[in-house]
Protein backbone atom coordinates (compact mmCIF):
# COMPACT_ATOMS: atom_id res chain seq x y z
CA MET A 1 64.33 176.16 109.00
CA HIS A 2 67.23 178.56 108.70
CA PHE A 3 70.65 177.18 107.83
CA ASN A 4 74.04 178.45 106.74
CA ILE A 5 74.80 177.52 103.12
CA ASN A 6 78.00 179.49 102.68
CA HIS A 7 80.13 176.38 102.12
CA ILE A 8 77.61 175.00 99.61
CA LEU A 9 77.65 178.23 97.62
CA ILE A 10 81.44 178.46 97.62
CA ASN A 11 81.72 174.84 96.44
CA SER A 12 79.18 175.69 93.73
CA GLY A 13 81.21 178.59 92.36
CA PHE A 14 80.18 181.66 94.37
CA LYS A 15 82.90 184.31 94.72
CA LEU A 16 82.57 187.35 96.94
CA GLU A 17 85.25 189.17 94.96
CA SER A 18 82.89 189.50 91.97
CA LEU A 19 82.17 193.01 90.70
CA ASN A 20 79.35 194.67 92.62
CA ASP A 21 77.01 194.66 89.66
CA THR A 22 77.58 190.96 88.96
CA ILE A 23 77.45 189.53 92.49
CA TYR A 24 73.75 188.67 92.09
CA LEU A 25 74.52 186.76 88.85
CA ASN A 26 77.33 184.88 90.55
CA LEU A 27 75.02 184.05 93.48
CA TYR A 28 72.28 182.95 91.08
CA GLU A 29 74.69 180.64 89.21
CA ALA A 30 76.01 179.15 92.46
CA LEU A 31 72.50 178.46 93.76
CA LYS A 32 71.44 176.97 90.41
CA ASN A 33 74.49 174.71 90.36
CA ALA A 34 73.73 173.52 93.89
CA ILE A 35 70.12 172.79 92.92
CA LEU A 36 71.03 170.93 89.70
CA SER A 37 73.66 168.83 91.45
CA GLU A 38 71.05 168.16 94.18
CA THR A 39 73.38 169.45 96.86
CA LEU A 40 70.29 171.48 97.76
CA ASP A 41 67.36 169.03 97.61
CA SER A 42 63.91 169.80 96.29
CA LYS A 43 61.34 171.21 98.74
CA ILE A 44 64.07 172.75 100.91
CA LYS A 45 63.32 176.29 101.97
CA LEU A 46 66.09 178.73 101.07
CA PRO A 47 67.34 181.03 103.83
CA PRO A 48 65.38 184.30 104.13
CA SER A 49 66.97 187.05 102.03
CA ARG A 50 67.91 189.07 105.13
CA VAL A 51 69.63 186.05 106.71
CA LEU A 52 71.58 185.09 103.59
CA ALA A 53 72.60 188.70 102.95
CA LYS A 54 73.92 188.94 106.50
CA ASP A 55 75.79 185.60 106.23
CA LEU A 56 77.42 186.59 102.91
CA LYS A 57 77.95 190.23 103.91
CA ILE A 58 76.15 191.52 100.82
CA SER A 59 73.05 193.64 100.36
CA ARG A 60 69.60 192.12 100.65
CA SER A 61 68.64 193.52 97.22
CA THR A 62 71.47 191.45 95.69
CA VAL A 63 70.04 188.28 97.23
CA LEU A 64 66.51 189.16 96.07
CA LYS A 65 67.74 189.65 92.48
CA ALA A 66 69.33 186.20 92.53
CA TYR A 67 66.18 184.65 94.03
CA ASP A 68 63.98 186.37 91.41
CA LEU A 69 66.06 184.89 88.57
CA LEU A 70 65.69 181.41 90.11
CA VAL A 71 61.92 181.93 90.36
CA LEU A 72 61.79 183.15 86.76
CA GLU A 73 63.54 179.99 85.53
CA LYS A 74 61.36 177.81 87.79
CA TYR A 75 64.19 176.50 89.93
CA VAL A 76 62.51 178.06 92.95
CA THR A 77 58.93 178.86 93.97
CA SER A 78 58.09 182.00 95.96
CA VAL A 79 55.31 181.46 98.51
CA LYS A 80 53.93 184.72 99.85
CA GLY A 81 54.46 184.98 103.58
CA SER A 82 56.46 181.74 103.70
CA GLY A 83 59.60 182.21 101.61
CA TYR A 84 61.41 180.57 98.69
CA PHE A 85 61.26 176.81 98.11
CA ILE A 86 63.39 174.71 95.76
CA ASN A 87 61.48 172.89 93.01
CA SER A 88 62.04 169.30 91.93
CA ILE A 89 64.44 169.06 89.01
CA THR A 90 63.45 165.53 87.98
CA ASP A 91 61.75 166.63 84.77
CA LYS A 92 63.89 169.63 83.95
CA LYS A 93 65.82 169.44 80.67
CA ASN A 94 68.39 172.15 81.36
CA HIS A 95 71.06 170.14 83.17
CA LYS A 96 73.32 171.22 80.33
CA ASN A 97 73.56 174.61 82.04
CA LEU A 98 75.41 173.01 84.92
CA HIS A 99 78.85 174.63 85.13
CA ILE A 100 80.38 172.28 87.71
CA PRO A 101 82.76 169.90 85.90
CA ILE A 102 81.92 166.28 86.68
CA GLU A 103 84.53 163.71 85.72
CA ARG A 104 84.01 159.98 85.60
CA ALA A 105 85.71 158.86 88.79
CA LYS A 106 87.41 155.57 89.51
CA TYR A 107 86.41 153.79 92.68
CA PRO A 108 87.78 150.75 94.51
CA LYS A 109 86.30 147.41 93.51
CA LEU A 110 83.91 145.76 95.92
CA SER A 111 85.32 142.91 97.96
CA LYS A 112 84.33 139.36 97.05
CA LYS A 113 82.46 139.19 100.32
CA GLY A 114 80.61 142.43 99.52
CA ILE A 115 79.61 141.05 96.11
CA ALA A 116 78.45 137.83 97.77
CA PHE A 117 76.20 139.78 100.15
CA GLN A 118 74.67 141.58 97.16
CA LYS A 119 74.21 138.35 95.22
CA ASN A 120 72.46 136.47 98.00
CA ILE A 121 69.87 139.11 98.92
CA HIS A 122 67.30 137.43 96.65
CA LEU A 123 67.13 134.20 98.63
CA ILE A 124 64.01 135.21 100.52
CA ASN A 125 61.24 137.67 99.77
CA ASP A 126 61.71 141.15 101.15
CA THR A 127 58.70 142.19 103.21
CA GLN A 128 60.16 145.27 104.85
CA SER A 129 58.30 147.72 102.63
CA ASN A 130 54.89 146.12 103.07
CA SER A 131 52.38 147.56 105.50
CA GLU A 132 50.14 144.49 105.15
CA ILE A 133 50.60 141.68 107.65
CA ALA A 134 48.20 138.98 106.37
CA PHE A 135 49.68 136.35 106.20
CA LYS A 136 53.28 137.34 106.86
CA PRO A 137 55.23 134.37 108.31
CA GLY A 138 56.99 134.57 111.65
CA LEU A 139 54.97 137.35 113.25
CA PRO A 140 53.44 136.96 116.75
CA PRO A 141 50.04 138.48 117.64
CA LEU A 142 51.22 142.09 117.50
CA ASP A 143 47.86 143.48 118.55
CA ILE A 144 48.02 141.94 122.04
CA PHE A 145 51.46 143.23 123.00
CA PRO A 146 51.14 145.10 126.36
CA ILE A 147 52.20 148.51 125.09
CA SER A 148 51.14 150.37 128.24
CA GLN A 149 53.26 148.11 130.46
CA TRP A 150 56.29 148.56 128.22
CA LYS A 151 55.73 152.33 128.12
CA ASN A 152 55.50 152.54 131.92
CA LEU A 153 58.73 150.56 132.31
CA SER A 154 60.46 152.84 129.80
CA ASN A 155 59.25 155.92 131.68
CA SER A 156 60.48 154.36 134.91
CA TYR A 157 63.91 153.82 133.37
CA TRP A 158 64.24 157.46 132.30
CA GLY A 159 62.79 158.70 135.57
CA GLY A 160 65.55 157.15 137.63
CA ILE A 161 68.51 157.20 135.28
CA LYS A 162 71.85 158.71 136.33
CA SER A 163 73.98 160.74 133.96
CA SER A 164 76.78 158.19 134.31
CA GLU A 165 74.47 155.56 132.77
CA LEU A 166 74.35 157.54 129.51
CA SER A 167 77.89 156.51 128.64
CA TYR A 168 78.95 153.42 126.63
CA SER A 169 77.57 150.07 127.73
CA LYS A 170 79.37 146.75 127.92
CA SER A 171 79.44 144.76 124.70
CA ILE A 172 78.39 141.58 126.49
CA GLY A 173 75.14 143.16 127.65
CA LEU A 174 73.50 144.40 130.83
CA GLN A 175 74.23 142.20 133.85
CA SER A 176 70.65 142.30 135.18
CA LEU A 177 69.19 141.26 131.81
CA ARG A 178 71.65 138.38 131.42
CA GLU A 179 70.80 137.17 134.93
CA ASN A 180 67.08 137.34 134.18
CA ILE A 181 67.55 135.51 130.87
CA ALA A 182 69.50 132.77 132.69
CA ASN A 183 66.58 132.38 135.14
CA TYR A 184 64.07 132.45 132.27
CA LEU A 185 65.95 129.70 130.41
CA LYS A 186 66.07 127.52 133.51
CA ILE A 187 62.31 127.79 134.04
CA TYR A 188 61.04 127.66 130.46
CA ARG A 189 63.69 125.65 128.62
CA ASN A 190 65.33 123.51 131.31
CA ILE A 191 68.68 125.12 130.48
CA THR A 192 71.22 125.74 133.22
CA CYS A 193 73.83 128.34 132.40
CA HIS A 194 75.56 131.24 134.11
CA ALA A 195 74.83 134.85 133.17
CA SER A 196 78.50 135.27 132.24
CA GLN A 197 77.99 132.84 129.32
CA ILE A 198 75.21 134.93 127.77
CA ILE A 199 75.86 137.64 125.16
CA ILE A 200 73.11 140.10 124.21
CA THR A 201 72.48 140.64 120.48
CA THR A 202 69.75 142.12 118.30
CA GLY A 203 68.40 138.70 117.31
CA SER A 204 69.28 135.35 115.79
CA LEU A 205 70.58 136.74 112.50
CA HIS A 206 72.93 139.10 114.36
CA SER A 207 74.13 136.17 116.47
CA LEU A 208 74.78 134.11 113.34
CA TYR A 209 76.70 137.00 111.77
CA LEU A 210 78.97 137.21 114.80
CA ILE A 211 79.51 133.44 114.90
CA GLY A 212 80.21 133.33 111.16
CA ASN A 213 82.81 136.07 111.32
CA ALA A 214 84.46 134.47 114.34
CA LEU A 215 84.72 130.96 112.89
CA ILE A 216 84.23 130.77 109.12
CA ASN A 217 87.00 131.17 106.58
CA LYS A 218 86.42 131.03 102.83
CA LYS A 219 85.34 127.51 101.75
CA ASP A 220 84.99 126.22 105.31
CA LYS A 221 82.26 123.59 105.34
CA VAL A 222 78.98 124.37 107.10
CA LEU A 223 76.21 121.77 107.33
CA MET A 224 72.60 122.87 107.06
CA GLU A 225 69.38 120.91 106.84
CA HIS A 226 67.89 120.56 103.37
CA ILE A 227 65.04 122.85 104.42
CA THR A 228 66.26 125.71 106.60
CA TYR A 229 66.10 129.35 107.65
CA PRO A 230 66.73 131.26 104.37
CA HIS A 231 68.42 134.22 106.07
CA ALA A 232 70.91 131.88 107.75
CA TYR A 233 71.63 130.18 104.44
CA ARG A 234 72.25 133.41 102.58
CA LEU A 235 74.43 134.73 105.44
CA PHE A 236 76.73 131.70 105.40
CA SER A 237 76.79 131.87 101.59
CA SER A 238 77.79 135.53 101.75
CA LEU A 239 80.56 134.66 104.20
CA GLN A 240 81.78 132.30 101.43
CA ALA A 241 81.32 129.10 103.38
CA LYS A 242 80.91 125.81 101.53
CA ILE A 243 77.37 124.76 102.46
CA THR A 244 76.45 121.08 102.43
CA GLN A 245 72.91 119.94 103.00
CA VAL A 246 72.01 117.11 105.36
CA ASP A 247 68.73 115.42 106.19
CA LEU A 248 68.61 114.82 109.92
CA ASN A 249 65.32 112.94 109.71
CA ASN A 250 65.87 110.61 106.78
CA SER A 251 67.97 107.88 108.37
CA GLU A 252 67.74 105.76 111.46
CA THR A 253 71.41 106.29 112.28
CA LEU A 254 72.32 109.95 112.21
CA ILE A 255 76.05 109.30 112.69
CA GLY A 256 76.11 107.15 109.56
CA ASN A 257 74.42 109.94 107.62
CA LEU A 258 77.01 112.49 108.75
CA LYS A 259 80.20 110.44 109.08
CA ASN A 260 81.74 111.70 105.83
CA ASN A 261 80.84 115.34 106.49
CA LEU A 262 83.85 116.91 108.14
CA ALA A 263 82.57 120.39 108.87
CA LYS A 264 83.28 123.19 111.32
CA LEU A 265 79.63 123.86 112.07
CA ILE A 266 76.20 122.39 111.74
CA TYR A 267 73.18 124.72 111.97
CA THR A 268 69.90 123.24 113.15
CA ILE A 269 66.49 124.35 114.40
CA PRO A 270 65.53 121.33 116.53
CA SER A 271 62.35 122.64 118.19
CA ASN A 272 60.65 123.67 114.94
CA GLN A 273 62.71 121.77 112.42
CA ASN A 274 62.54 122.94 108.81
CA PHE A 275 59.74 125.38 109.79
CA LEU A 276 57.39 122.45 109.07
CA GLY A 277 56.67 121.42 112.63
CA ASN A 278 59.14 118.53 112.96
CA LYS A 279 61.11 118.09 116.16
CA LEU A 280 64.52 116.48 116.21
CA SER A 281 64.13 113.41 118.42
CA MET A 282 66.05 112.96 121.66
CA SER A 283 68.11 110.07 120.26
CA LYS A 284 69.15 112.12 117.22
CA ARG A 285 70.10 115.07 119.41
CA VAL A 286 72.44 112.77 121.32
CA GLN A 287 73.84 111.35 118.06
CA LEU A 288 74.42 114.88 116.76
CA LEU A 289 76.50 115.65 119.85
CA GLU A 290 78.46 112.44 119.33
CA TRP A 291 79.18 113.44 115.74
CA ALA A 292 80.32 116.93 116.81
CA SER A 293 82.63 115.41 119.42
CA ALA A 294 84.14 112.91 116.99
CA ASN A 295 84.75 115.59 114.34
CA GLY A 296 85.80 118.52 116.53
CA ALA A 297 82.79 120.50 115.29
CA LEU A 298 80.31 122.92 116.85
CA ILE A 299 76.50 122.86 116.78
CA ILE A 300 74.49 126.05 116.38
CA GLU A 301 71.15 125.39 118.05
CA ASP A 302 68.65 128.02 116.93
CA ASP A 303 65.72 127.53 119.29
CA TYR A 304 63.34 129.22 116.88
CA GLU A 305 59.79 129.59 118.23
CA HIS A 306 60.49 127.26 121.15
CA GLU A 307 57.53 128.56 123.15
CA PHE A 308 55.12 127.80 120.32
CA SER A 309 56.61 124.53 119.05
CA ASN A 310 57.92 122.95 122.23
CA TRP A 311 55.37 124.14 124.79
CA ASN A 312 53.58 120.81 125.25
CA LYS A 313 55.71 117.72 125.89
CA PRO A 314 58.98 119.64 125.50
CA ILE A 315 62.19 117.88 124.46
CA ASP A 316 65.42 118.86 126.17
CA SER A 317 67.57 121.26 124.18
CA ILE A 318 70.78 120.03 122.59
CA TYR A 319 72.58 122.58 124.77
CA SER A 320 71.28 120.98 127.97
CA LEU A 321 72.64 117.59 126.81
CA ASP A 322 76.07 118.95 125.88
CA LYS A 323 78.97 117.97 128.15
CA GLN A 324 81.83 119.29 125.99
CA ASP A 325 80.98 122.96 125.41
CA ARG A 326 80.17 122.28 121.73
CA VAL A 327 76.77 123.98 121.42
CA ILE A 328 76.11 127.64 120.64
CA TYR A 329 72.55 128.32 121.74
CA LEU A 330 70.53 131.11 120.09
CA GLY A 331 67.34 132.71 121.39
CA THR A 332 65.35 135.82 120.54
CA PHE A 333 62.55 137.94 122.00
CA ASN A 334 61.61 139.22 118.54
CA LYS A 335 59.20 136.34 117.92
CA LEU A 336 57.72 136.48 121.41
CA LEU A 337 57.12 140.24 121.57
CA HIS A 338 57.45 141.97 118.20
CA PRO A 339 60.17 142.08 115.49
CA SER A 340 60.89 145.79 115.91
CA ILE A 341 62.23 145.22 119.41
CA ARG A 342 65.47 143.72 117.99
CA LEU A 343 66.66 141.88 121.08
CA GLY A 344 68.17 138.41 121.28
CA TYR A 345 70.89 136.47 123.06
CA MET A 346 73.26 133.56 122.67
CA ILE A 347 75.08 131.21 125.00
CA VAL A 348 78.65 130.98 123.72
CA PRO A 349 81.39 128.41 124.49
CA ASN A 350 84.00 130.00 126.71
CA TYR A 351 86.93 129.41 124.36
CA PHE A 352 85.77 131.94 121.77
CA GLN A 353 83.54 134.28 123.78
CA ASN A 354 86.22 137.00 123.78
CA THR A 355 86.44 136.82 119.99
CA ILE A 356 82.70 137.43 119.70
CA LEU A 357 82.90 140.35 122.12
CA ASN A 358 85.80 141.89 120.20
CA ILE A 359 83.80 141.72 116.96
CA ILE A 360 80.87 143.44 118.69
CA GLU A 361 83.20 146.06 120.14
CA GLN A 362 84.53 146.89 116.66
CA SER A 363 81.15 146.93 114.91
CA ASN A 364 77.84 147.78 116.56
CA ARG A 365 79.45 148.19 120.04
CA PHE A 366 76.39 147.27 122.15
CA VAL A 367 72.62 146.94 122.20
CA SER A 368 70.66 149.91 123.58
CA ALA A 369 70.96 150.04 127.37
CA GLU A 370 67.39 151.35 127.66
CA LEU A 371 66.03 148.42 125.66
CA GLN A 372 67.99 145.95 127.76
CA LYS A 373 66.90 147.49 131.06
CA VAL A 374 63.23 147.63 130.09
CA MET A 375 63.37 144.00 128.93
CA SER A 376 65.02 143.03 132.19
CA MET A 377 62.24 144.70 134.20
CA PHE A 378 59.64 143.13 131.88
CA ILE A 379 60.95 139.70 132.92
CA GLU A 380 61.36 140.59 136.61
CA LYS A 381 57.80 141.82 136.99
CA ASP A 382 56.46 138.59 135.48
CA TYR A 383 55.05 140.46 132.47
CA LEU A 384 56.90 138.18 130.06
CA ASN A 385 55.47 135.03 131.64
CA LYS A 386 51.92 136.38 131.41
CA HIS A 387 52.45 137.64 127.85
CA ILE A 388 53.84 134.28 126.69
CA ARG A 389 50.80 132.44 128.01
CA ASN A 390 48.50 134.99 126.38
CA VAL A 391 50.36 134.74 123.06
CA VAL A 392 50.25 130.92 123.08
CA ALA A 393 46.49 130.93 123.76
CA VAL A 394 45.68 133.58 121.15
CA ALA A 395 47.91 131.97 118.54
CA GLN A 396 46.21 128.61 119.04
CA GLU A 397 42.75 130.18 118.73
CA ARG A 398 43.74 131.96 115.52
CA LYS A 399 45.33 128.82 114.11
CA GLU A 400 42.10 126.89 114.57
CA LEU A 401 40.08 129.67 112.93
CA PHE A 402 42.61 130.01 110.09
CA THR A 403 42.57 126.25 109.46
CA GLU A 404 38.78 126.04 109.41
CA ASN A 405 38.38 128.99 107.01
CA PHE A 406 41.29 127.95 104.81
CA ILE A 407 39.83 124.48 104.25
CA SER A 408 36.38 125.92 103.48
CA ASN A 409 37.91 128.29 100.91
CA PHE A 410 40.52 126.09 99.26
CA GLY A 411 39.28 122.55 99.80
CA ASP A 412 41.96 120.21 98.50
CA GLU A 413 43.54 122.70 96.07
CA ILE A 414 46.02 123.68 98.77
CA VAL A 415 46.35 121.10 101.53
CA LEU A 416 47.40 122.31 104.98
CA ASP A 417 50.13 120.37 106.74
CA SER A 418 48.49 119.24 109.98
CA SER A 419 51.88 118.78 111.65
CA SER A 420 52.79 122.47 111.31
CA THR A 421 53.65 124.10 114.64
CA GLY A 422 54.89 127.51 115.66
CA LEU A 423 53.62 130.74 114.14
CA ASN A 424 53.55 129.47 110.55
CA ILE A 425 51.45 126.94 108.72
CA LEU A 426 52.32 125.23 105.45
CA GLY A 427 49.94 124.78 102.53
CA LYS A 428 51.02 122.34 99.80
CA PHE A 429 49.68 122.61 96.24
CA LYS A 430 47.78 119.59 95.02
CA ASP A 431 48.88 120.44 91.48
CA PRO A 432 52.68 119.90 91.39
CA ASN A 433 52.98 122.13 88.33
CA ILE A 434 52.02 125.31 90.20
CA ASN A 435 55.02 127.57 90.77
CA ASP A 436 54.94 128.71 94.40
CA GLN A 437 57.27 131.65 93.75
CA MET A 438 54.95 133.01 91.06
CA VAL A 439 51.89 132.54 93.29
CA SER A 440 53.62 134.28 96.19
CA ASP A 441 54.71 137.19 93.96
CA TYR A 442 51.18 137.56 92.58
CA LEU A 443 49.55 137.53 96.02
CA ARG A 444 52.09 140.05 97.27
CA GLN A 445 50.99 142.46 94.53
CA LYS A 446 47.45 142.09 95.90
CA GLY A 447 48.50 142.89 99.48
CA LEU A 448 48.72 139.31 100.76
CA ILE A 449 52.10 138.18 102.14
CA THR A 450 53.19 134.55 101.93
CA ASN A 451 56.57 132.89 101.45
CA PRO A 452 57.14 130.22 98.79
CA LEU A 453 58.17 126.90 100.32
CA SER A 454 60.81 126.46 97.61
CA LYS A 455 62.77 129.36 99.10
CA TYR A 456 63.44 127.35 102.25
CA TYR A 457 65.26 124.57 100.39
CA VAL A 458 69.05 124.58 100.22
CA SER A 459 68.96 122.65 96.94
CA THR A 460 66.26 121.81 94.37
CA PRO A 461 62.83 122.00 96.03
CA ALA A 462 61.13 118.66 96.61
CA GLU A 463 57.67 120.23 96.60
CA ASN A 464 55.89 123.56 96.18
CA GLY A 465 53.69 125.34 98.67
CA LEU A 466 53.07 128.47 100.68
CA VAL A 467 54.34 129.24 104.17
CA MET A 468 51.78 131.45 105.90
CA GLY A 469 51.66 133.24 109.24
CA TYR A 470 48.28 133.32 110.92
CA SER A 471 48.85 134.58 114.47
CA CYS A 472 49.49 138.23 113.57
CA VAL A 473 46.00 138.56 112.03
CA ASN A 474 42.87 139.08 114.13
CA ASN A 475 39.82 136.85 113.70
CA LYS A 476 37.88 139.23 111.48
CA LEU A 477 40.85 139.86 109.21
CA ILE A 478 41.60 136.13 108.95
CA LYS A 479 38.20 135.50 107.38
CA GLU A 480 38.31 138.54 105.09
CA SER A 481 41.90 137.92 103.96
CA LEU A 482 41.36 134.23 103.23
CA SER A 483 38.31 135.06 101.13
CA LYS A 484 40.37 137.62 99.20
CA MET A 485 43.25 135.14 98.89
CA LYS A 486 40.92 132.55 97.36
CA THR A 487 39.65 135.08 94.80
CA GLU A 488 43.16 136.16 93.85
CA PHE A 489 44.41 132.57 93.69
CA ASN A 490 41.60 131.74 91.28
CA ASN A 491 42.54 134.78 89.18
CA PHE A 492 46.15 133.61 89.11
CA ILE A 493 45.19 130.10 87.99
CA PHE A 494 42.79 131.45 85.34
CA ASN A 495 45.41 133.82 83.89
CA SER A 496 48.29 131.33 84.00
């Protein structure tokens, strides 16, 4: 790769007005300075001597002299027939030769909100760097995603696109996708809404970020269940909300449990409550709406894993029961298709829809038009319907196999929660003294991904266990990984 480095050399001290017999030394020093300051990174190929000589309007022999000095001092390696490549300076001890003065600079302090975002990153395990998927929670069966269908739809999009469609898209999202989502919600979730109420996002966390910035001031009260979505908890914490925990299942009268909690928002996951398979009952959904009405509050209904948790004997969404425009409904395709797709949506009350759109317009602007169009066609051609049914069937088959093999491996050491629904299953330790965070960390080092149950609690954990995803792992890998998990768990217990 040839590139012009004139500005780099000048910033590193190169001067064309040097005496003729010292130009090569000046060039050598400038290149060395650029390498030591890592302005020129290791493994970069330097411009060919002829090219650099032409760019700097000096002789090629001058450039070669400078290159030879760099080779001699091992800053550069000469590869015959290929050129000159910069070496890594990680282990070099001669940074003292650097002639560029570096002063300790003063920088602005981070905002309190920025510090809060840094502080709260630890609230859930980071799995982004792991290539392993057994038994990573929240993943659908990735191996059955219809890649060829998606590829054909993408090719179709690019085959018929007009140049005018390459411009900026609307922040609210593509009209055809929002119409198809409205139809999808009516069929699969008994939700009636107009396409104009739907805003396209990259997923539930993005939706929550937009809602939080639109509504939450510092120390505003937000209610969350005592076991909840960790990413939502850390987001609201980072936005400096005052989070109060509530137990929506612990009392017969929900209103009595909440009457003293005057909050702006309550965040709930009614279809797969607490990630433990509980569903918020119809009567409590109605009571929650009554509380929101009496207190002038809003309800964020995150319909997490609806298709997996609410497929049989579904309960009406809180949104469908709402008569006062008090519910913000969140949905995502990331759990249905695959997390890398980054596509979600929310139904937003009319009175602050423009605020949400203005925040989008001044931040990420819009979700990829190609992604939206392909998703829209994926729904129109009935591919989504067929894929959902396939995913539900495969997930159920893998859950049964996982359960059978888990019990045969672990017996009553880790007891599976039979009420678990969705894509995750909970295993509770029989021994209450076992630290689930330490077990999870140990298994992660061995290539097995689980989440500690304690991380899902807003306050002090009531019990320890492991949250495991089974549906992303094929049948063969389920058996092999559970056998390995048992061995590593035994090693952990023995060495503890």
